Structures are given as C-alpha cells and as structure tokens.
Amino acid sequence: MATWDDVGRVASVLPDTEERRPREWAVHGRSFVWERPLRRRDLDELGDLAPDAAPLAFYVAHEGEKLALVGDEPGTFFTTTHFAGYPIVLARLDLVAVPELEELVEDAWLARAPKRLAQSFLDATE
C-alpha cells in the first residue's frame, strides 16, 4: 500500500511542482495533493468511519469524478461537508495501491496545472 514517501516521489517528478510544506505539493502555487488532518467537526461527522491517520486530500477534474470515487470505494475514498461543492476527495493512504496512487496524483496535477503545461505534459507522455 502507498505511503507519504510514495506521494512525494510521484508528485515531485511532475513539471513545475514544489513541496510547499511537508506533505503538500503544488503546481504554479496551486495545491493538488496534501495531507489533510481531520478536524473535530470532520471526526464527529465521520464517527466510527474516521480513519486513524490523517488522510490524503487531492483534487479531481470535477464533482462527478469525486462522487464516482466515493461511491465505488467508500472504505478508501470519502469526503466531508467541509468539501461540499469542491472537487476534492479524501483517501485513506494505507488502502491505496501504489499504481492507483500514481494515477490519482497525476490526475490531481492535471486538474490544477495551467492548461498549456498540462497539455505539454500529456503530449510528452503519449
């Protein structure tokens, strides 16, 4: 299963990415993956479903993708009312396989990168 070292390894090789703080990566100043400790309100809302460790937060392309991830794997992917209306998903990192993490991080980067940079990256990886 994936670790924070895996997140850093995957995120750091994406173009124009910087680690803004420990466990928070951004492209052109826009965060795309980060550690998101749960707040008291989140813990109250999630109850027994709250993970023990701080989850990975990441952007997706749109709300439909968010709903699909949460609906397909609710034990791994989840959200809270704090993120209602935002294309952000929370994940239990200890339940995410490394190949899936690589895809999630790259997709999060694509969702936040400037369009020209994202297109250039896609063209280079085809």
Protein backbone atom coordinates (compact mmCIF):
# COMPACT_ATOMS: atom_id res chain seq x y z
CA MET A 1 0.00 0.00 0.00
CA ALA A 2 1.02 3.61 -0.56
CA THR A 3 2.96 5.81 1.85
CA TRP A 4 3.70 9.52 2.09
CA ASP A 5 7.12 8.77 0.58
CA ASP A 6 5.29 7.39 -2.47
CA VAL A 7 3.16 10.54 -2.70
CA GLY A 8 6.29 12.71 -2.61
CA ARG A 9 8.11 10.54 -5.15
CA VAL A 10 5.20 10.70 -7.61
CA ALA A 11 4.37 14.38 -7.11
CA SER A 12 7.94 15.67 -7.20
CA VAL A 13 8.64 14.44 -10.75
CA LEU A 14 5.66 16.28 -12.25
CA PRO A 15 6.62 19.51 -14.07
CA ASP A 16 6.75 22.75 -12.07
CA THR A 17 5.81 21.01 -8.84
CA GLU A 18 7.05 22.18 -5.47
CA GLU A 19 6.57 20.88 -1.96
CA ARG A 20 5.11 23.96 -0.31
CA ARG A 21 5.05 22.46 3.18
CA PRO A 22 5.75 18.99 4.41
CA ARG A 23 3.21 16.74 2.68
CA GLU A 24 1.70 19.44 0.46
CA TRP A 25 2.54 19.65 -3.24
CA ALA A 26 1.57 22.44 -5.63
CA VAL A 27 1.86 23.28 -9.30
CA HIS A 28 2.23 27.00 -10.07
CA GLY A 29 1.23 27.80 -6.49
CA ARG A 30 -1.94 25.70 -6.61
CA SER A 31 -2.07 22.74 -4.24
CA PHE A 32 -3.06 19.46 -5.82
CA VAL A 33 -2.27 16.83 -3.15
CA TRP A 34 -1.73 17.29 0.58
CA GLU A 35 -2.10 15.76 4.00
CA ARG A 36 -5.41 16.89 5.49
CA PRO A 37 -5.71 16.16 9.22
CA LEU A 38 -9.31 15.68 10.23
CA ARG A 39 -10.81 18.38 12.40
CA ARG A 40 -13.20 17.83 15.30
CA ARG A 41 -16.20 18.54 13.06
CA ASP A 42 -14.92 16.01 10.48
CA LEU A 43 -14.41 13.40 13.19
CA ASP A 44 -17.89 13.99 14.59
CA GLU A 45 -19.38 13.72 11.11
CA LEU A 46 -17.48 10.55 10.16
CA GLY A 47 -17.88 8.83 13.52
CA ASP A 48 -16.56 5.26 13.50
CA LEU A 49 -15.69 5.61 9.80
CA ALA A 50 -12.99 8.20 10.51
CA PRO A 51 -9.51 6.89 9.72
CA ASP A 52 -6.85 6.82 12.43
CA ALA A 53 -4.24 8.59 10.29
CA ALA A 54 -4.60 11.93 8.52
CA PRO A 55 -5.92 11.30 5.01
CA LEU A 56 -4.54 12.32 1.66
CA ALA A 57 -6.56 15.13 0.06
CA PHE A 58 -6.43 15.53 -3.70
CA TYR A 59 -8.20 17.36 -6.49
CA VAL A 60 -10.19 15.63 -9.19
CA ALA A 61 -11.35 17.06 -12.50
CA HIS A 62 -14.98 17.57 -11.46
CA GLU A 63 -17.64 16.76 -8.89
CA GLY A 64 -18.82 13.73 -10.92
CA GLU A 65 -15.41 12.10 -10.59
CA LYS A 66 -15.47 12.80 -6.86
CA LEU A 67 -18.87 11.14 -6.48
CA ALA A 68 -17.74 8.14 -8.52
CA LEU A 69 -14.63 7.55 -6.39
CA VAL A 70 -16.51 7.92 -3.12
CA GLY A 71 -19.37 5.76 -4.39
CA ASP A 72 -17.18 2.99 -5.80
CA GLU A 73 -14.79 2.64 -2.85
CA PRO A 74 -16.30 4.30 0.23
CA GLY A 75 -13.89 2.49 2.55
CA THR A 76 -10.92 4.09 0.80
CA PHE A 77 -12.26 7.38 -0.57
CA PHE A 78 -14.52 9.76 1.32
CA THR A 79 -15.46 13.37 1.81
CA THR A 80 -16.92 15.60 4.48
CA THR A 81 -19.33 18.51 4.37
CA HIS A 82 -16.29 20.81 4.58
CA PHE A 83 -15.53 19.84 0.96
CA ALA A 84 -19.13 20.01 -0.33
CA GLY A 85 -19.14 21.67 -3.73
CA TYR A 86 -15.38 21.28 -4.23
CA PRO A 87 -13.76 18.64 -6.45
CA ILE A 88 -11.62 17.36 -3.58
CA VAL A 89 -11.50 13.79 -2.32
CA LEU A 90 -10.00 12.39 0.87
CA ALA A 91 -8.34 8.99 0.86
CA ARG A 92 -7.03 6.51 3.37
CA LEU A 93 -3.49 6.25 2.06
CA ASP A 94 -2.99 2.87 3.73
CA LEU A 95 -5.70 1.42 1.45
CA VAL A 96 -4.45 2.85 -1.85
CA ALA A 97 -2.19 0.69 -4.01
CA VAL A 98 0.89 2.46 -5.37
CA PRO A 99 -0.18 2.18 -9.06
CA GLU A 100 -3.55 3.72 -8.19
CA LEU A 101 -1.82 6.45 -6.19
CA GLU A 102 0.35 7.30 -9.19
CA GLU A 103 -2.77 7.78 -11.31
CA LEU A 104 -4.56 9.83 -8.63
CA VAL A 105 -1.61 12.17 -8.12
CA GLU A 106 -1.06 12.68 -11.83
CA ASP A 107 -4.78 13.34 -12.38
CA ALA A 108 -4.80 15.80 -9.47
CA TRP A 109 -1.82 17.58 -11.01
CA LEU A 110 -3.60 17.73 -14.38
CA ALA A 111 -6.70 19.18 -12.69
CA ARG A 112 -4.68 22.06 -11.18
CA ALA A 113 -1.88 22.71 -13.68
CA PRO A 114 -2.20 25.56 -16.19
CA LYS A 115 -3.81 24.26 -19.39
CA ARG A 116 -0.74 24.72 -21.59
CA LEU A 117 1.52 22.99 -19.10
CA ALA A 118 -0.93 20.12 -18.73
CA GLN A 119 -1.24 19.72 -22.49
CA SER A 120 2.52 19.81 -22.92
CA PHE A 121 2.86 17.10 -20.28
CA LEU A 122 0.19 14.94 -21.95
CA ASP A 123 1.83 15.36 -25.36
CA ALA A 124 5.21 14.32 -23.95
CA THR A 125 3.83 11.21 -22.23
CA GLU A 126 1.90 9.83 -25.21
